[in-house]
Every structure is written in structure tokens, then in C-alpha cells.
């Protein structure tokens, strides 16, 4: 069964860094726009970043620009989220998501991504 598997979450002190990895198992992510979303405790899921399958377009939530970086390695069928200068408000469950193959445009809404990983917890302490 095709799936997305996240890893790399954990606990870190404020100011630290983490790199999340999402690997497509049985799913070729090279033809999908890949997104990262997060859901803080008690809050709605929110967009973090997206990388278009064409390789020429990345997008970030305005509040995260400069601290988070999305990248991918199609040879490894993986997408990454490098998170630097972490803050307690970055505490959340982080999810990766894949668009339909060859999707036009860059979706920013979770409902536009049909495929999701199980999530990985990131906890930032002050």
C-alpha cells in the first residue's frame, strides 16, 4: 500500500534545529507537489511549506520564511523540512502530504492533498 512516512521529529530546546524527512513508500513523489503542514495542540492544521514537482517553485507560510526550508531528493523519493531557530510555538504534529500527480499550481490547502503521512511530533521547550 502506497504511503508517506515521516521521521525526524523529537524534542528540542528553543533555538535548536530539526530536519524532518518524508519518504514515499510505493509512491513516486517526483511527480507530486509535496507539502508540509502542522497542527499545534488545540489548533487547526496549518500550511507550512510546499515544493512543486516541477522543481521551480517553493512556498512558505509567511511567518516561517527564513527559518524553515523545504527540499527534496527525488532519487531517494524523499522530501525534507529543515527547521532552524525553533520556537516553542513551533510545537506541533508535522505532516507531509502529496498532491495528485502532475498537479497544476501549488496547493496551499490541506484538502487539496489527497495523500498524507501519519505525522511526527515536534516539541520545542523554552
Foldseek 3Di string as FASTA:
>chain_A
DWAKAKDFADEEAAQAKIKMKIAIDVDQQLQWWKFKWWDAPPGDIFGAKIAHSVRPDIDGDPVQPPFWDWDADSVRRMIMIIGGRDDQVVWTWMKMFTAPGNDPDIDGDPVRTPGIYPTDTHGYHD
